[in-house]
Amino acid sequence: MKPLTWLALLGCASLLFGQSSHHTASEPKFSELTRDDRARLDQQRAIVAAAAKQRYGTSTLSRTRKDLPILQRLLDDKAFKKSQTYELQSLGVAFGDVLASEFPLRWVMITDE
């Protein structure tokens, strides 16, 4: 399976709450982002920024809590259809940036089954 990029918080939550002591699956592997991972996240941020600029004239996203009303508005206005999985995941990246700016979190790569 291709590695997925998630916030470390989400990965830790699944470790804490998602596995019993009887589960034999291998543990997820955490690693630093590669240059390609960073570029992919930047592309996803650009998708959200472009949608916000087109719809609301927003010049850029700040990756801080100031972005929350913009992200919420994109969701409320259904800027992306349910079938636009990549674009919706991109909203998740923008939200993850807000979380990383507000809490002691950082982006990492998690590889699992």
PDB file of N, CA and C in Angstrom:
ATOM      1  N   MET A   1       0.845  -1.168   0.000  1.00  0.00           N
ATOM      2  CA  MET A   1       0.000   0.000   0.000  1.00  0.00           C
ATOM      3  C   MET A   1       0.893   1.235   0.000  1.00  0.00           C
ATOM      4  N   LYS A   2       0.497   2.234  -0.751  1.00  0.00           N
ATOM      5  CA  LYS A   2       1.250   3.479  -0.829  1.00  0.00           C
ATOM      6  C   LYS A   2       1.199   4.209   0.511  1.00  0.00           C
ATOM      7  N   PRO A   3       2.306   4.791   0.966  1.00  0.00           N
ATOM      8  CA  PRO A   3       2.305   5.508   2.236  1.00  0.00           C
ATOM      9  C   PRO A   3       1.311   6.664   2.208  1.00  0.00           C
ATOM     10  N   LEU A   4       0.706   6.926   3.327  1.00  0.00           N
ATOM     11  CA  LEU A   4      -0.246   8.018   3.469  1.00  0.00           C
ATOM     12  C   LEU A   4       0.360   9.086   4.357  1.00  0.00           C
ATOM     13  N   THR A   5       0.102  10.326   4.026  1.00  0.00           N
ATOM     14  CA  THR A   5       0.562  11.415   4.871  1.00  0.00           C
ATOM     15  C   THR A   5      -0.582  11.829   5.772  1.00  0.00           C
ATOM     16  N   TRP A   6      -0.364  11.793   7.048  1.00  0.00           N
ATOM     17  CA  TRP A   6      -1.357  12.183   8.046  1.00  0.00           C
ATOM     18  C   TRP A   6      -0.647  13.031   9.072  1.00  0.00           C
ATOM     19  N   LEU A   7      -1.391  13.670   9.885  1.00  0.00           N
ATOM     20  CA  LEU A   7      -0.808  14.341  11.034  1.00  0.00           C
ATOM     21  C   LEU A   7      -0.400  13.292  12.045  1.00  0.00           C
ATOM     22  N   ALA A   8       0.678  13.517  12.715  1.00  0.00           N
ATOM     23  CA  ALA A   8       1.131  12.576  13.734  1.00  0.00           C
ATOM     24  C   ALA A   8       0.052  12.377  14.794  1.00  0.00           C
ATOM     25  N   LEU A   9      -0.716  13.401  15.052  1.00  0.00           N
ATOM     26  CA  LEU A   9      -1.797  13.291  16.024  1.00  0.00           C
ATOM     27  C   LEU A   9      -2.775  12.193  15.642  1.00  0.00           C
ATOM     28  N   LEU A  10      -3.155  12.133  14.386  1.00  0.00           N
ATOM     29  CA  LEU A  10      -4.103  11.119  13.934  1.00  0.00           C
ATOM     30  C   LEU A  10      -3.491   9.726  14.042  1.00  0.00           C
ATOM     31  N   GLY A  11      -2.231   9.624  13.696  1.00  0.00           N
ATOM     32  CA  GLY A  11      -1.555   8.337  13.796  1.00  0.00           C
ATOM     33  C   GLY A  11      -1.467   7.855  15.231  1.00  0.00           C
ATOM     34  N   CYS A  12      -1.137   8.794  16.126  1.00  0.00           N
ATOM     35  CA  CYS A  12      -1.052   8.424  17.538  1.00  0.00           C
ATOM     36  C   CYS A  12      -2.410   8.028  18.081  1.00  0.00           C
ATOM     37  N   ALA A  13      -3.454   8.730  17.666  1.00  0.00           N
ATOM     38  CA  ALA A  13      -4.797   8.393  18.131  1.00  0.00           C
ATOM     39  C   ALA A  13      -5.166   6.979  17.706  1.00  0.00           C
ATOM     40  N   SER A  14      -4.812   6.604  16.493  1.00  0.00           N
ATOM     41  CA  SER A  14      -5.146   5.249  16.049  1.00  0.00           C
ATOM     42  C   SER A  14      -4.346   4.211  16.824  1.00  0.00           C
ATOM     43  N   LEU A  15      -3.125   4.555  17.189  1.00  0.00           N
ATOM     44  CA  LEU A  15      -2.336   3.631  17.992  1.00  0.00           C
ATOM     45  C   LEU A  15      -2.931   3.464  19.386  1.00  0.00           C
ATOM     46  N   LEU A  16      -3.380   4.582  19.957  1.00  0.00           N
ATOM     47  CA  LEU A  16      -3.918   4.539  21.304  1.00  0.00           C
ATOM     48  C   LEU A  16      -5.285   3.862  21.365  1.00  0.00           C
ATOM     49  N   PHE A  17      -6.130   4.144  20.378  1.00  0.00           N
ATOM     50  CA  PHE A  17      -7.511   3.709  20.460  1.00  0.00           C
ATOM     51  C   PHE A  17      -7.885   2.603  19.488  1.00  0.00           C
ATOM     52  N   GLY A  18      -7.056   2.351  18.486  1.00  0.00           N
ATOM     53  CA  GLY A  18      -7.466   1.457  17.423  1.00  0.00           C
ATOM     54  C   GLY A  18      -6.921   0.052  17.483  1.00  0.00           C
ATOM     55  N   GLN A  19      -6.019  -0.243  18.417  1.00  0.00           N
ATOM     56  CA  GLN A  19      -5.427  -1.566  18.432  1.00  0.00           C
ATOM     57  C   GLN A  19      -5.583  -2.198  19.802  1.00  0.00           C
ATOM     58  N   SER A  20      -5.987  -3.438  19.816  1.00  0.00           N
ATOM     59  CA  SER A  20      -6.049  -4.172  21.072  1.00  0.00           C
ATOM     60  C   SER A  20      -4.720  -4.887  21.288  1.00  0.00           C
ATOM     61  N   SER A  21      -4.526  -5.402  22.466  1.00  0.00           N
ATOM     62  CA  SER A  21      -3.283  -6.108  22.767  1.00  0.00           C
ATOM     63  C   SER A  21      -3.193  -7.433  22.019  1.00  0.00           C
ATOM     64  N   HIS A  22      -4.315  -7.915  21.480  1.00  0.00           N
ATOM     65  CA  HIS A  22      -4.329  -9.179  20.751  1.00  0.00           C
ATOM     66  C   HIS A  22      -4.129  -9.006  19.262  1.00  0.00           C
ATOM     67  N   HIS A  23      -4.007  -7.798  18.813  1.00  0.00           N
ATOM     68  CA  HIS A  23      -3.875  -7.501  17.385  1.00  0.00           C
ATOM     69  C   HIS A  23      -2.444  -7.799  16.944  1.00  0.00           C
ATOM     70  N   THR A  24      -2.272  -8.502  15.829  1.00  0.00           N
ATOM     71  CA  THR A  24      -0.942  -8.917  15.403  1.00  0.00           C
ATOM     72  C   THR A  24      -0.405  -8.092  14.239  1.00  0.00           C
ATOM     73  N   ALA A  25      -1.116  -7.073  13.798  1.00  0.00           N
ATOM     74  CA  ALA A  25      -0.658  -6.255  12.673  1.00  0.00           C
ATOM     75  C   ALA A  25       0.611  -5.504  13.065  1.00  0.00           C
ATOM     76  N   SER A  26       1.443  -5.227  12.073  1.00  0.00           N
ATOM     77  CA  SER A  26       2.670  -4.493  12.340  1.00  0.00           C
ATOM     78  C   SER A  26       2.346  -3.048  12.684  1.00  0.00           C
ATOM     79  N   GLU A  27       3.207  -2.446  13.471  1.00  0.00           N
ATOM     80  CA  GLU A  27       3.035  -1.057  13.890  1.00  0.00           C
ATOM     81  C   GLU A  27       3.321  -0.128  12.710  1.00  0.00           C
ATOM     82  N   PRO A  28       2.602   0.996  12.637  1.00  0.00           N
ATOM     83  CA  PRO A  28       2.907   1.984  11.598  1.00  0.00           C
ATOM     84  C   PRO A  28       4.324   2.520  11.782  1.00  0.00           C
ATOM     85  N   LYS A  29       4.950   2.878  10.680  1.00  0.00           N
ATOM     86  CA  LYS A  29       6.313   3.418  10.706  1.00  0.00           C
ATOM     87  C   LYS A  29       6.247   4.916  10.418  1.00  0.00           C
ATOM     88  N   PHE A  30       6.824   5.719  11.299  1.00  0.00           N
ATOM     89  CA  PHE A  30       6.866   7.164  11.154  1.00  0.00           C
ATOM     90  C   PHE A  30       8.217   7.566  10.584  1.00  0.00           C
ATOM     91  N   SER A  31       8.209   8.489   9.616  1.00  0.00           N
ATOM     92  CA  SER A  31       9.469   8.989   9.062  1.00  0.00           C
ATOM     93  C   SER A  31       9.293  10.457   8.663  1.00  0.00           C
ATOM     94  N   GLU A  32      10.410  11.136   8.532  1.00  0.00           N
ATOM     95  CA  GLU A  32      10.392  12.541   8.130  1.00  0.00           C
ATOM     96  C   GLU A  32       9.911  12.656   6.686  1.00  0.00           C
ATOM     97  N   LEU A  33       9.356  13.802   6.350  1.00  0.00           N
ATOM     98  CA  LEU A  33       8.901  14.032   4.981  1.00  0.00           C
ATOM     99  C   LEU A  33      10.084  14.147   4.036  1.00  0.00           C
ATOM    100  N   THR A  34       9.917  13.591   2.860  1.00  0.00           N
ATOM    101  CA  THR A  34      10.920  13.756   1.811  1.00  0.00           C
ATOM    102  C   THR A  34      10.627  15.053   1.054  1.00  0.00           C
ATOM    103  N   ARG A  35      11.519  15.417   0.189  1.00  0.00           N
ATOM    104  CA  ARG A  35      11.305  16.591  -0.663  1.00  0.00           C
ATOM    105  C   ARG A  35      10.038  16.409  -1.502  1.00  0.00           C
ATOM    106  N   ASP A  36       9.825  15.195  -2.016  1.00  0.00           N
ATOM    107  CA  ASP A  36       8.619  14.909  -2.805  1.00  0.00           C
ATOM    108  C   ASP A  36       7.347  15.015  -1.955  1.00  0.00           C
ATOM    109  N   ASP A  37       7.415  14.551  -0.717  1.00  0.00           N
ATOM    110  CA  ASP A  37       6.259  14.670   0.183  1.00  0.00           C
ATOM    111  C   ASP A  37       5.914  16.137   0.406  1.00  0.00           C
ATOM    112  N   ARG A  38       6.935  16.949   0.655  1.00  0.00           N
ATOM    113  CA  ARG A  38       6.705  18.381   0.872  1.00  0.00           C
ATOM    114  C   ARG A  38       6.111  19.033  -0.376  1.00  0.00           C
ATOM    115  N   ALA A  39       6.608  18.644  -1.531  1.00  0.00           N
ATOM    116  CA  ALA A  39       6.099  19.204  -2.789  1.00  0.00           C
ATOM    117  C   ALA A  39       4.637  18.818  -2.994  1.00  0.00           C
ATOM    118  N   ARG A  40       4.274  17.587  -2.675  1.00  0.00           N
ATOM    119  CA  ARG A  40       2.892  17.136  -2.821  1.00  0.00           C
ATOM    120  C   ARG A  40       1.971  17.914  -1.873  1.00  0.00           C
ATOM    121  N   LEU A  41       2.405  18.119  -0.646  1.00  0.00           N
ATOM    122  CA  LEU A  41       1.605  18.908   0.296  1.00  0.00           C
ATOM    123  C   LEU A  41       1.452  20.343  -0.203  1.00  0.00           C
ATOM    124  N   ASP A  42       2.516  20.901  -0.746  1.00  0.00           N
ATOM    125  CA  ASP A  42       2.443  22.263  -1.289  1.00  0.00           C
ATOM    126  C   ASP A  42       1.459  22.337  -2.458  1.00  0.00           C
ATOM    127  N   GLN A  43       1.433  21.308  -3.292  1.00  0.00           N
ATOM    128  CA  GLN A  43       0.471  21.266  -4.402  1.00  0.00           C
ATOM    129  C   GLN A  43      -0.955  21.228  -3.863  1.00  0.00           C
ATOM    130  N   GLN A  44      -1.163  20.472  -2.806  1.00  0.00           N
ATOM    131  CA  GLN A  44      -2.499  20.388  -2.227  1.00  0.00           C
ATOM    132  C   GLN A  44      -2.896  21.722  -1.579  1.00  0.00           C
ATOM    133  N   ARG A  45      -1.945  22.373  -0.934  1.00  0.00           N
ATOM    134  CA  ARG A  45      -2.223  23.703  -0.369  1.00  0.00           C
ATOM    135  C   ARG A  45      -2.599  24.682  -1.472  1.00  0.00           C
ATOM    136  N   ALA A  46      -1.924  24.570  -2.604  1.00  0.00           N
ATOM    137  CA  ALA A  46      -2.189  25.469  -3.734  1.00  0.00           C
ATOM    138  C   ALA A  46      -3.609  25.276  -4.269  1.00  0.00           C
ATOM    139  N   ILE A  47      -4.112  24.063  -4.257  1.00  0.00           N
ATOM    140  CA  ILE A  47      -5.481  23.794  -4.712  1.00  0.00           C
ATOM    141  C   ILE A  47      -6.479  24.542  -3.831  1.00  0.00           C
ATOM    142  N   VAL A  48      -6.286  24.466  -2.529  1.00  0.00           N
ATOM    143  CA  VAL A  48      -7.195  25.129  -1.593  1.00  0.00           C
ATOM    144  C   VAL A  48      -7.065  26.644  -1.719  1.00  0.00           C
ATOM    145  N   ALA A  49      -5.836  27.132  -1.811  1.00  0.00           N
ATOM    146  CA  ALA A  49      -5.611  28.572  -1.944  1.00  0.00           C
ATOM    147  C   ALA A  49      -6.250  29.107  -3.227  1.00  0.00           C
ATOM    148  N   ALA A  50      -6.139  28.353  -4.310  1.00  0.00           N
ATOM    149  CA  ALA A  50      -6.734  28.783  -5.584  1.00  0.00           C
ATOM    150  C   ALA A  50      -8.253  28.828  -5.494  1.00  0.00           C
ATOM    151  N   ALA A  51      -8.849  27.846  -4.837  1.00  0.00           N
ATOM    152  CA  ALA A  51     -10.307  27.841  -4.681  1.00  0.00           C
ATOM    153  C   ALA A  51     -10.751  29.025  -3.826  1.00  0.00           C
ATOM    154  N   ALA A  52     -10.021  29.312  -2.759  1.00  0.00           N
ATOM    155  CA  ALA A  52     -10.362  30.443  -1.893  1.00  0.00           C
ATOM    156  C   ALA A  52     -10.195  31.766  -2.632  1.00  0.00           C
ATOM    157  N   LYS A  53      -9.162  31.862  -3.437  1.00  0.00           N
ATOM    158  CA  LYS A  53      -8.937  33.094  -4.199  1.00  0.00           C
ATOM    159  C   LYS A  53     -10.037  33.286  -5.238  1.00  0.00           C
ATOM    160  N   GLN A  54     -10.370  32.227  -5.958  1.00  0.00           N
ATOM    161  CA  GLN A  54     -11.395  32.306  -6.997  1.00  0.00           C
ATOM    162  C   GLN A  54     -12.759  32.652  -6.409  1.00  0.00           C
ATOM    163  N   ARG A  55     -13.129  32.020  -5.304  1.00  0.00           N
ATOM    164  CA  ARG A  55     -14.465  32.199  -4.730  1.00  0.00           C
ATOM    165  C   ARG A  55     -14.592  33.455  -3.879  1.00  0.00           C
ATOM    166  N   TYR A  56     -13.537  33.769  -3.126  1.00  0.00           N
ATOM    167  CA  TYR A  56     -13.669  34.822  -2.109  1.00  0.00           C
ATOM    168  C   TYR A  56     -12.639  35.948  -2.242  1.00  0.00           C
ATOM    169  N   GLY A  57     -11.749  35.856  -3.218  1.00  0.00           N
ATOM    170  CA  GLY A  57     -10.738  36.890  -3.392  1.00  0.00           C
ATOM    171  C   GLY A  57      -9.633  36.851  -2.345  1.00  0.00           C
ATOM    172  N   THR A  58      -9.545  35.738  -1.619  1.00  0.00           N
ATOM    173  CA  THR A  58      -8.513  35.583  -0.594  1.00  0.00           C
ATOM    174  C   THR A  58      -7.150  35.508  -1.264  1.00  0.00           C
ATOM    175  N   SER A  59      -6.217  36.339  -0.807  1.00  0.00           N
ATOM    176  CA  SER A  59      -4.917  36.389  -1.470  1.00  0.00           C
ATOM    177  C   SER A  59      -4.061  35.163  -1.187  1.00  0.00           C
ATOM    178  N   THR A  60      -4.096  34.657   0.034  1.00  0.00           N
ATOM    179  CA  THR A  60      -3.279  33.499   0.388  1.00  0.00           C
ATOM    180  C   THR A  60      -3.791  32.891   1.689  1.00  0.00           C
ATOM    181  N   LEU A  61      -3.360  31.684   1.970  1.00  0.00           N
ATOM    182  CA  LEU A  61      -3.666  31.063   3.252  1.00  0.00           C
ATOM    183  C   LEU A  61      -2.459  31.262   4.169  1.00  0.00           C
ATOM    184  N   SER A  62      -2.723  31.500   5.438  1.00  0.00           N
ATOM    185  CA  SER A  62      -1.657  31.809   6.392  1.00  0.00           C
ATOM    186  C   SER A  62      -1.151  30.596   7.161  1.00  0.00           C
ATOM    187  N   ARG A  63      -1.834  29.467   7.044  1.00  0.00           N
ATOM    188  CA  ARG A  63      -1.520  28.251   7.801  1.00  0.00           C
ATOM    189  C   ARG A  63      -1.686  28.478   9.300  1.00  0.00           C
ATOM    190  N   THR A  64      -2.575  29.403   9.662  1.00  0.00           N
ATOM    191  CA  THR A  64      -2.880  29.684  11.060  1.00  0.00           C
ATOM    192  C   THR A  64      -4.387  29.612  11.254  1.00  0.00           C
ATOM    193  N   ARG A  65      -4.835  29.856  12.487  1.00  0.00           N
ATOM    194  CA  ARG A  65      -6.268  29.806  12.788  1.00  0.00           C
ATOM    195  C   ARG A  65      -7.065  30.826  11.986  1.00  0.00           C
ATOM    196  N   LYS A  66      -6.387  31.825  11.407  1.00  0.00           N
ATOM    197  CA  LYS A  66      -7.071  32.801  10.555  1.00  0.00           C
ATOM    198  C   LYS A  66      -7.664  32.138   9.308  1.00  0.00           C
ATOM    199  N   ASP A  67      -7.152  30.965   8.961  1.00  0.00           N
ATOM    200  CA  ASP A  67      -7.664  30.235   7.793  1.00  0.00           C
ATOM    201  C   ASP A  67      -8.968  29.494   8.083  1.00  0.00           C
ATOM    202  N   LEU A  68      -9.290  29.277   9.339  1.00  0.00           N
ATOM    203  CA  LEU A  68     -10.456  28.451   9.672  1.00  0.00           C
ATOM    204  C   LEU A  68     -11.762  28.956   9.061  1.00  0.00           C
ATOM    205  N   PRO A  69     -12.061  30.255   9.118  1.00  0.00           N
ATOM    206  CA  PRO A  69     -13.314  30.698   8.475  1.00  0.00           C
ATOM    207  C   PRO A  69     -13.332  30.438   6.970  1.00  0.00           C
ATOM    208  N   ILE A  70     -12.188  30.553   6.326  1.00  0.00           N
ATOM    209  CA  ILE A  70     -12.101  30.303   4.882  1.00  0.00           C
ATOM    210  C   ILE A  70     -12.336  28.823   4.602  1.00  0.00           C
ATOM    211  N   LEU A  71     -11.687  27.956   5.370  1.00  0.00           N
ATOM    212  CA  LEU A  71     -11.857  26.515   5.177  1.00  0.00           C
ATOM    213  C   LEU A  71     -13.293  26.101   5.455  1.00  0.00           C
ATOM    214  N   GLN A  72     -13.878  26.668   6.506  1.00  0.00           N
ATOM    215  CA  GLN A  72     -15.266  26.351   6.829  1.00  0.00           C
ATOM    216  C   GLN A  72     -16.197  26.811   5.716  1.00  0.00           C
ATOM    217  N   ARG A  73     -15.920  27.988   5.176  1.00  0.00           N
ATOM    218  CA  ARG A  73     -16.766  28.509   4.101  1.00  0.00           C
ATOM    219  C   ARG A  73     -16.666  27.634   2.853  1.00  0.00           C
ATOM    220  N   LEU A  74     -15.463  27.170   2.537  1.00  0.00           N
ATOM    221  CA  LEU A  74     -15.299  26.267   1.396  1.00  0.00           C
ATOM    222  C   LEU A  74     -16.134  24.999   1.599  1.00  0.00           C
ATOM    223  N   LEU A  75     -16.144  24.490   2.820  1.00  0.00           N
ATOM    224  CA  LEU A  75     -16.961  23.308   3.121  1.00  0.00           C
ATOM    225  C   LEU A  75     -18.449  23.637   3.033  1.00  0.00           C
ATOM    226  N   ASP A  76     -18.848  24.719   3.672  1.00  0.00           N
ATOM    227  CA  ASP A  76     -20.264  25.092   3.679  1.00  0.00           C
ATOM    228  C   ASP A  76     -20.798  25.341   2.276  1.00  0.00           C
ATOM    229  N   ASP A  77     -19.967  25.967   1.442  1.00  0.00           N
ATOM    230  CA  ASP A  77     -20.367  26.289   0.070  1.00  0.00           C
ATOM    231  C   ASP A  77     -20.192  25.111  -0.885  1.00  0.00           C
ATOM    232  N   LYS A  78     -19.731  23.987  -0.345  1.00  0.00           N
ATOM    233  CA  LYS A  78     -19.499  22.787  -1.158  1.00  0.00           C
ATOM    234  C   LYS A  78     -18.637  23.105  -2.383  1.00  0.00           C
ATOM    235  N   ALA A  79     -17.506  23.755  -2.096  1.00  0.00           N
ATOM    236  CA  ALA A  79     -16.579  24.135  -3.161  1.00  0.00           C
ATOM    237  C   ALA A  79     -16.088  22.912  -3.922  1.00  0.00           C
ATOM    238  N   PHE A  80     -16.002  21.787  -3.237  1.00  0.00           N
ATOM    239  CA  PHE A  80     -15.574  20.544  -3.871  1.00  0.00           C
ATOM    240  C   PHE A  80     -16.678  19.510  -3.694  1.00  0.00           C
ATOM    241  N   LYS A  81     -16.944  18.775  -4.764  1.00  0.00           N
ATOM    242  CA  LYS A  81     -17.969  17.725  -4.732  1.00  0.00           C
ATOM    243  C   LYS A  81     -17.448  16.523  -3.951  1.00  0.00           C
ATOM    244  N   LYS A  82     -18.354  15.688  -3.498  1.00  0.00           N
ATOM    245  CA  LYS A  82     -17.976  14.475  -2.773  1.00  0.00           C
ATOM    246  C   LYS A  82     -17.043  13.596  -3.597  1.00  0.00           C
ATOM    247  N   SER A  83     -17.176  13.657  -4.908  1.00  0.00           N
ATOM    248  CA  SER A  83     -16.347  12.835  -5.795  1.00  0.00           C
ATOM    249  C   SER A  83     -14.934  13.395  -5.967  1.00  0.00           C
ATOM    250  N   GLN A  84     -14.686  14.608  -5.508  1.00  0.00           N
ATOM    251  CA  GLN A  84     -13.367  15.237  -5.652  1.00  0.00           C
ATOM    252  C   GLN A  84     -12.493  14.904  -4.440  1.00  0.00           C
ATOM    253  N   THR A  85     -12.138  13.647  -4.347  1.00  0.00           N
ATOM    254  CA  THR A  85     -11.403  13.136  -3.194  1.00  0.00           C
ATOM    255  C   THR A  85     -10.091  13.882  -2.966  1.00  0.00           C
ATOM    256  N   TYR A  86      -9.300  14.068  -3.994  1.00  0.00           N
ATOM    257  CA  TYR A  86      -7.996  14.725  -3.836  1.00  0.00           C
ATOM    258  C   TYR A  86      -8.175  16.149  -3.309  1.00  0.00           C
ATOM    259  N   GLU A  87      -9.152  16.867  -3.829  1.00  0.00           N
ATOM    260  CA  GLU A  87      -9.394  18.238  -3.404  1.00  0.00           C
ATOM    261  C   GLU A  87      -9.869  18.278  -1.951  1.00  0.00           C
ATOM    262  N   LEU A  88     -10.718  17.330  -1.569  1.00  0.00           N
ATOM    263  CA  LEU A  88     -11.164  17.266  -0.184  1.00  0.00           C
ATOM    264  C   LEU A  88     -10.014  16.898   0.753  1.00  0.00           C
ATOM    265  N   GLN A  89      -9.141  16.011   0.293  1.00  0.00           N
ATOM    266  CA  GLN A  89      -7.946  15.705   1.077  1.00  0.00           C
ATOM    267  C   GLN A  89      -7.067  16.946   1.198  1.00  0.00           C
ATOM    268  N   SER A  90      -7.058  17.760   0.166  1.00  0.00           N
ATOM    269  CA  SER A  90      -6.289  18.998   0.197  1.00  0.00           C
ATOM    270  C   SER A  90      -6.818  19.947   1.270  1.00  0.00           C
ATOM    271  N   LEU A  91      -8.142  19.981   1.442  1.00  0.00           N
ATOM    272  CA  LEU A  91      -8.712  20.751   2.554  1.00  0.00           C
ATOM    273  C   LEU A  91      -8.191  20.222   3.884  1.00  0.00           C
ATOM    274  N   GLY A  92      -8.046  18.921   3.973  1.00  0.00           N
ATOM    275  CA  GLY A  92      -7.485  18.307   5.177  1.00  0.00           C
ATOM    276  C   GLY A  92      -6.054  18.739   5.426  1.00  0.00           C
ATOM    277  N   VAL A  93      -5.289  18.892   4.361  1.00  0.00           N
ATOM    278  CA  VAL A  93      -3.914  19.379   4.493  1.00  0.00           C
ATOM    279  C   VAL A  93      -3.921  20.805   5.037  1.00  0.00           C
ATOM    280  N   ALA A  94      -4.778  21.647   4.485  1.00  0.00           N
ATOM    281  CA  ALA A  94      -4.868  23.037   4.956  1.00  0.00           C
ATOM    282  C   ALA A  94      -5.300  23.075   6.424  1.00  0.00           C
ATOM    283  N   PHE A  95      -6.236  22.218   6.805  1.00  0.00           N
ATOM    284  CA  PHE A  95      -6.653  22.146   8.202  1.00  0.00           C
ATOM    285  C   PHE A  95      -5.508  21.626   9.073  1.00  0.00           C
ATOM    286  N   GLY A  96      -4.777  20.640   8.579  1.00  0.00           N
ATOM    287  CA  GLY A  96      -3.618  20.122   9.302  1.00  0.00           C
ATOM    288  C   GLY A  96      -2.576  21.195   9.552  1.00  0.00           C
ATOM    289  N   ASP A  97      -2.403  22.097   8.587  1.00  0.00           N
ATOM    290  CA  ASP A  97      -1.475  23.208   8.777  1.00  0.00           C
ATOM    291  C   ASP A  97      -1.903  24.089   9.944  1.00  0.00           C
ATOM    292  N   VAL A  98      -3.211  24.325  10.049  1.00  0.00           N
ATOM    293  CA  VAL A  98      -3.730  25.121  11.170  1.00  0.00           C
ATOM    294  C   VAL A  98      -3.432  24.409  12.485  1.00  0.00           C
ATOM    295  N   LEU A  99      -3.710  23.122  12.538  1.00  0.00           N
ATOM    296  CA  LEU A  99      -3.427  22.364  13.761  1.00  0.00           C
ATOM    297  C   LEU A  99      -1.947  22.410  14.119  1.00  0.00           C
ATOM    298  N   ALA A 100      -1.096  22.281  13.117  1.00  0.00           N
ATOM    299  CA  ALA A 100       0.346  22.296  13.359  1.00  0.00           C
ATOM    300  C   ALA A 100       0.822  23.659  13.852  1.00  0.00           C
ATOM    301  N   SER A 101       0.108  24.723  13.487  1.00  0.00           N
ATOM    302  CA  SER A 101       0.510  26.049  13.957  1.00  0.00           C
ATOM    303  C   SER A 101       0.021  26.318  15.379  1.00  0.00           C
ATOM    304  N   GLU A 102      -1.031  25.631  15.802  1.00  0.00           N
ATOM    305  CA  GLU A 102      -1.633  25.873  17.103  1.00  0.00           C
ATOM    306  C   GLU A 102      -1.167  24.909  18.196  1.00  0.00           C
ATOM    307  N   PHE A 103      -0.693  23.754  17.793  1.00  0.00           N
ATOM    308  CA  PHE A 103      -0.286  22.719  18.731  1.00  0.00           C
ATOM    309  C   PHE A 103       1.125  22.263  18.387  1.00  0.00           C
ATOM    310  N   PRO A 104       1.787  21.575  19.297  1.00  0.00           N
ATOM    311  CA  PRO A 104       3.147  21.094  19.003  1.00  0.00           C
ATOM    312  C   PRO A 104       3.097  19.851  18.097  1.00  0.00           C
ATOM    313  N   LEU A 105       2.671  20.072  16.858  1.00  0.00           N
ATOM    314  CA  LEU A 105       2.546  19.003  15.874  1.00  0.00           C
ATOM    315  C   LEU A 105       3.393  19.331  14.661  1.00  0.00           C
ATOM    316  N   ARG A 106       3.711  18.312  13.903  1.00  0.00           N
ATOM    317  CA  ARG A 106       4.427  18.500  12.644  1.00  0.00           C
ATOM    318  C   ARG A 106       4.006  17.400  11.690  1.00  0.00           C
ATOM    319  N   TRP A 107       4.189  17.659  10.412  1.00  0.00           N
ATOM    320  CA  TRP A 107       3.857  16.682   9.392  1.00  0.00           C
ATOM    321  C   TRP A 107       4.926  15.599   9.352  1.00  0.00           C
ATOM    322  N   VAL A 108       4.486  14.345   9.290  1.00  0.00           N
ATOM    323  CA  VAL A 108       5.375  13.210   9.108  1.00  0.00           C
ATOM    324  C   VAL A 108       4.720  12.230   8.145  1.00  0.00           C
ATOM    325  N   MET A 109       5.502  11.299   7.661  1.00  0.00           N
ATOM    326  CA  MET A 109       4.990  10.244   6.792  1.00  0.00           C
ATOM    327  C   MET A 109       4.723   9.028   7.677  1.00  0.00           C
ATOM    328  N   ILE A 110       3.555   8.430   7.486  1.00  0.00           N
ATOM    329  CA  ILE A 110       3.223   7.202   8.200  1.00  0.00           C
ATOM    330  C   ILE A 110       2.990   6.112   7.163  1.00  0.00           C
ATOM    331  N   THR A 111       3.704   5.032   7.302  1.00  0.00           N
ATOM    332  CA  THR A 111       3.551   3.883   6.409  1.00  0.00           C
ATOM    333  C   THR A 111       2.958   2.747   7.238  1.00  0.00           C
ATOM    334  N   ASP A 112       1.866   2.188   6.734  1.00  0.00           N
ATOM    335  CA  ASP A 112       1.256   1.065   7.422  1.00  0.00           C
ATOM    336  C   ASP A 112       0.840   0.026   6.399  1.00  0.00           C
ATOM    337  N   GLU A 113       0.103  -0.976   6.877  1.00  0.00           N
ATOM    338  CA  GLU A 113      -0.337  -2.044   5.983  1.00  0.00           C
ATOM    339  C   GLU A 113      -1.166  -1.458   4.878  1.00  0.00           C
TER     340      GLU A 113
END
